C-alpha atoms as a PDB file:
ATOM      1  CA  MET A   1     -12.961  14.577 -15.172  1.00  0.00           C
ATOM      2  CA  GLU A   2     -14.291  13.388 -10.854  1.00  0.00           C
ATOM      3  CA  ILE A   3     -15.100  10.466  -9.970  1.00  0.00           C
ATOM      4  CA  ARG A   4     -18.630  11.784  -8.465  1.00  0.00           C
ATOM      5  CA  LYS A   5     -20.202   7.778  -7.433  1.00  0.00           C
ATOM      6  CA  THR A   6     -18.869   4.136  -7.325  1.00  0.00           C
ATOM      7  CA  ALA A   7     -19.369   2.294 -10.820  1.00  0.00           C
ATOM      8  CA  VAL A   8     -18.292  -0.526 -12.072  1.00  0.00           C
ATOM      9  CA  ALA A   9     -16.955  -1.763 -15.591  1.00  0.00           C
ATOM     10  CA  GLY A  10     -16.577  -4.772 -17.187  1.00  0.00           C
ATOM     11  CA  THR A  11     -16.359  -8.396 -15.996  1.00  0.00           C
ATOM     12  CA  LEU A  12     -14.129 -11.102 -14.338  1.00  0.00           C
ATOM     13  CA  GLU A  13     -13.995 -13.302 -17.683  1.00  0.00           C
ATOM     14  CA  SER A  14     -10.754 -14.348 -19.058  1.00  0.00           C
ATOM     15  CA  SER A  15      -8.878 -11.584 -21.367  1.00  0.00           C
ATOM     16  CA  ASP A  16     -11.513  -9.054 -19.192  1.00  0.00           C
ATOM     17  CA  ALA A  17     -10.908  -6.919 -16.302  1.00  0.00           C
ATOM     18  CA  GLN A  18     -13.340  -5.460 -13.816  1.00  0.00           C
ATOM     19  CA  ILE A  19     -12.623  -1.683 -12.975  1.00  0.00           C
ATOM     20  CA  THR A  20     -14.045  -0.114  -9.924  1.00  0.00           C
ATOM     21  CA  VAL A  21     -13.777   3.698  -8.984  1.00  0.00           C
ATOM     22  CA  GLU A  22     -14.623   5.298  -6.176  1.00  0.00           C
ATOM     23  CA  PRO A  23     -14.532   8.552  -4.965  1.00  0.00           C
ATOM     24  CA  GLY A  24     -11.364   9.939  -3.182  1.00  0.00           C
ATOM     25  CA  ASP A  25      -9.425  13.221  -1.954  1.00  0.00           C
ATOM     26  CA  ASN A  26      -5.631  12.175  -2.045  1.00  0.00           C
ATOM     27  CA  GLY A  27      -5.092  11.412  -5.340  1.00  0.00           C
ATOM     28  CA  ILE A  28      -4.961   8.090  -7.465  1.00  0.00           C
ATOM     29  CA  GLU A  29      -5.008   5.279  -5.046  1.00  0.00           C
ATOM     30  CA  LEU A  30      -4.818   2.714  -7.964  1.00  0.00           C
ATOM     31  CA  THR A  31      -5.121  -1.630  -6.363  1.00  0.00           C
ATOM     32  CA  ILE A  32      -4.042  -3.937  -8.672  1.00  0.00           C
ATOM     33  CA  GLU A  33      -5.213  -8.162  -8.581  1.00  0.00           C
ATOM     34  CA  SER A  34      -4.427  -9.759 -11.791  1.00  0.00           C
ATOM     35  CA  SER A  35      -3.420 -13.617 -12.975  1.00  0.00           C
ATOM     36  CA  VAL A  36      -0.544 -11.974 -14.878  1.00  0.00           C
ATOM     37  CA  ILE A  37       0.690  -9.331 -12.541  1.00  0.00           C
ATOM     38  CA  HIS A  38       4.648 -10.557 -12.673  1.00  0.00           C
ATOM     39  CA  GLN A  39       4.703 -10.527 -16.490  1.00  0.00           C
ATOM     40  CA  TYR A  40       2.841  -7.399 -16.559  1.00  0.00           C
ATOM     41  CA  GLY A  41       2.108  -5.281 -13.669  1.00  0.00           C
ATOM     42  CA  ARG A  42       3.869  -2.495 -14.606  1.00  0.00           C
ATOM     43  CA  GLN A  43       2.223  -2.023 -18.024  1.00  0.00           C
ATOM     44  CA  ILE A  44      -0.899  -2.475 -16.637  1.00  0.00           C
ATOM     45  CA  ARG A  45      -0.231   0.279 -13.797  1.00  0.00           C
ATOM     46  CA  ASN A  46       0.812   2.676 -16.850  1.00  0.00           C
ATOM     47  CA  VAL A  47      -2.326   1.924 -19.076  1.00  0.00           C
ATOM     48  CA  ALA A  48      -4.395   3.001 -15.989  1.00  0.00           C
ATOM     49  CA  LEU A  49      -2.397   6.146 -14.591  1.00  0.00           C
ATOM     50  CA  GLU A  50      -2.309   6.968 -18.349  1.00  0.00           C
ATOM     51  CA  THR A  51      -5.747   6.691 -19.100  1.00  0.00           C
ATOM     52  CA  LEU A  52      -6.808   8.503 -15.729  1.00  0.00           C
ATOM     53  CA  LYS A  53      -4.712  11.343 -16.799  1.00  0.00           C
ATOM     54  CA  ARG A  54      -6.375  11.585 -20.112  1.00  0.00           C
ATOM     55  CA  LEU A  55      -9.374  11.977 -18.477  1.00  0.00           C
ATOM     56  CA  ASN A  56      -8.387  14.264 -16.507  1.00  0.00           C
ATOM     57  CA  VAL A  57      -8.695  12.255 -13.487  1.00  0.00           C
ATOM     58  CA  GLU A  58      -7.090  13.368 -10.084  1.00  0.00           C
ATOM     59  CA  ASN A  59      -8.429  12.446  -7.298  1.00  0.00           C
ATOM     60  CA  GLY A  60     -10.124   8.822  -6.858  1.00  0.00           C
ATOM     61  CA  LYS A  61      -9.729   5.064  -5.875  1.00  0.00           C
ATOM     62  CA  VAL A  62      -9.352   2.939  -8.946  1.00  0.00           C
ATOM     63  CA  THR A  63      -9.511  -1.024  -8.090  1.00  0.00           C
ATOM     64  CA  ILE A  64      -8.516  -3.718 -11.361  1.00  0.00           C
ATOM     65  CA  PHE A  65      -9.265  -7.172 -11.405  1.00  0.00           C
ATOM     66  CA  ASP A  66      -7.119  -7.994 -14.087  1.00  0.00           C
ATOM     67  CA  LYS A  67      -7.344 -11.282 -16.108  1.00  0.00           C
ATOM     68  CA  GLY A  68      -5.239 -11.371 -18.597  1.00  0.00           C
ATOM     69  CA  ALA A  69      -7.151  -8.272 -20.685  1.00  0.00           C
ATOM     70  CA  LEU A  70      -5.287  -6.433 -23.186  1.00  0.00           C
ATOM     71  CA  ASP A  71      -4.010  -2.662 -22.992  1.00  0.00           C
ATOM     72  CA  CYS A  72      -7.542  -1.533 -24.949  1.00  0.00           C
ATOM     73  CA  THR A  73      -9.804  -3.514 -23.172  1.00  0.00           C
ATOM     74  CA  LEU A  74      -8.190  -2.023 -20.057  1.00  0.00           C
ATOM     75  CA  LYS A  75      -8.495   1.658 -21.470  1.00  0.00           C
ATOM     76  CA  ALA A  76     -11.820   1.336 -22.704  1.00  0.00           C
ATOM     77  CA  ARG A  77     -12.796  -0.077 -19.210  1.00  0.00           C
ATOM     78  CA  ILE A  78     -11.371   2.445 -17.470  1.00  0.00           C
ATOM     79  CA  GLU A  79     -13.233   4.791 -19.906  1.00  0.00           C
ATOM     80  CA  CYS A  80     -16.370   3.631 -19.163  1.00  0.00           C
ATOM     81  CA  ALA A  81     -16.227   3.475 -15.410  1.00  0.00           C
ATOM     82  CA  VAL A  82     -15.230   6.952 -14.988  1.00  0.00           C
ATOM     83  CA  TYR A  83     -17.912   8.096 -17.520  1.00  0.00           C
ATOM     84  CA  ARG A  84     -20.729   5.970 -15.119  1.00  0.00           C
ATOM     85  CA  SER A  85     -18.926   7.239 -12.187  1.00  0.00           C
ATOM     86  CA  ASN A  86     -20.835  10.803 -13.955  1.00  0.00           C
ATOM     87  CA  GLY A  87     -24.072   9.370 -14.985  1.00  0.00           C
ATOM     88  CA  ILE A  88     -22.671  10.255 -18.736  1.00  0.00           C
ATOM     89  CA  THR A  89     -24.310   7.602 -20.729  1.00  0.00           C
ATOM     90  CA  GLU A  90     -24.460   9.176 -24.271  1.00  0.00           C
ATOM     91  CA  ASN A  91     -22.184  10.812 -27.041  1.00  0.00           C
ATOM     92  CA  LEU A  92     -19.191   9.293 -25.253  1.00  0.00           C
ATOM     93  CA  PRO A  93     -15.744  10.179 -27.165  1.00  0.00           C
ATOM     94  CA  TRP A  94     -14.884   6.548 -27.359  1.00  0.00           C
ATOM     95  CA  GLY A  95     -11.522   5.090 -28.687  1.00  0.00           C
ATOM     96  CA  GLY A  96      -8.905   7.757 -27.409  1.00  0.00           C
ATOM     97  CA  VAL A  97     -10.591  10.732 -29.024  1.00  0.00           C
ATOM     98  CA  ILE A  98     -10.079  11.489 -25.203  1.00  0.00           C
ATOM     99  CA  GLN A  99      -6.832  14.577 -25.105  1.00  0.00           C
END
């Protein structure tokens, strides 16, 4: 799946994350800002890249503003932002159904 247009999912509330995806041409460009970057930065990066890989996203700019979100929240927010960037709003395969 490609990122067709800029899309956002999530909030800046505690225990959440705001994800922005934008089209790009040079692979995945990942930017992470987090209140827990020193403790969990590596895990946030791994979850983001794994989720994008499952969605078959090969190019795009992804910005994560994390406020202590759990892995499942990060996955859901990334999935939502990618779907929104493609205008997909119905019959979504949530919850790890995507392979």
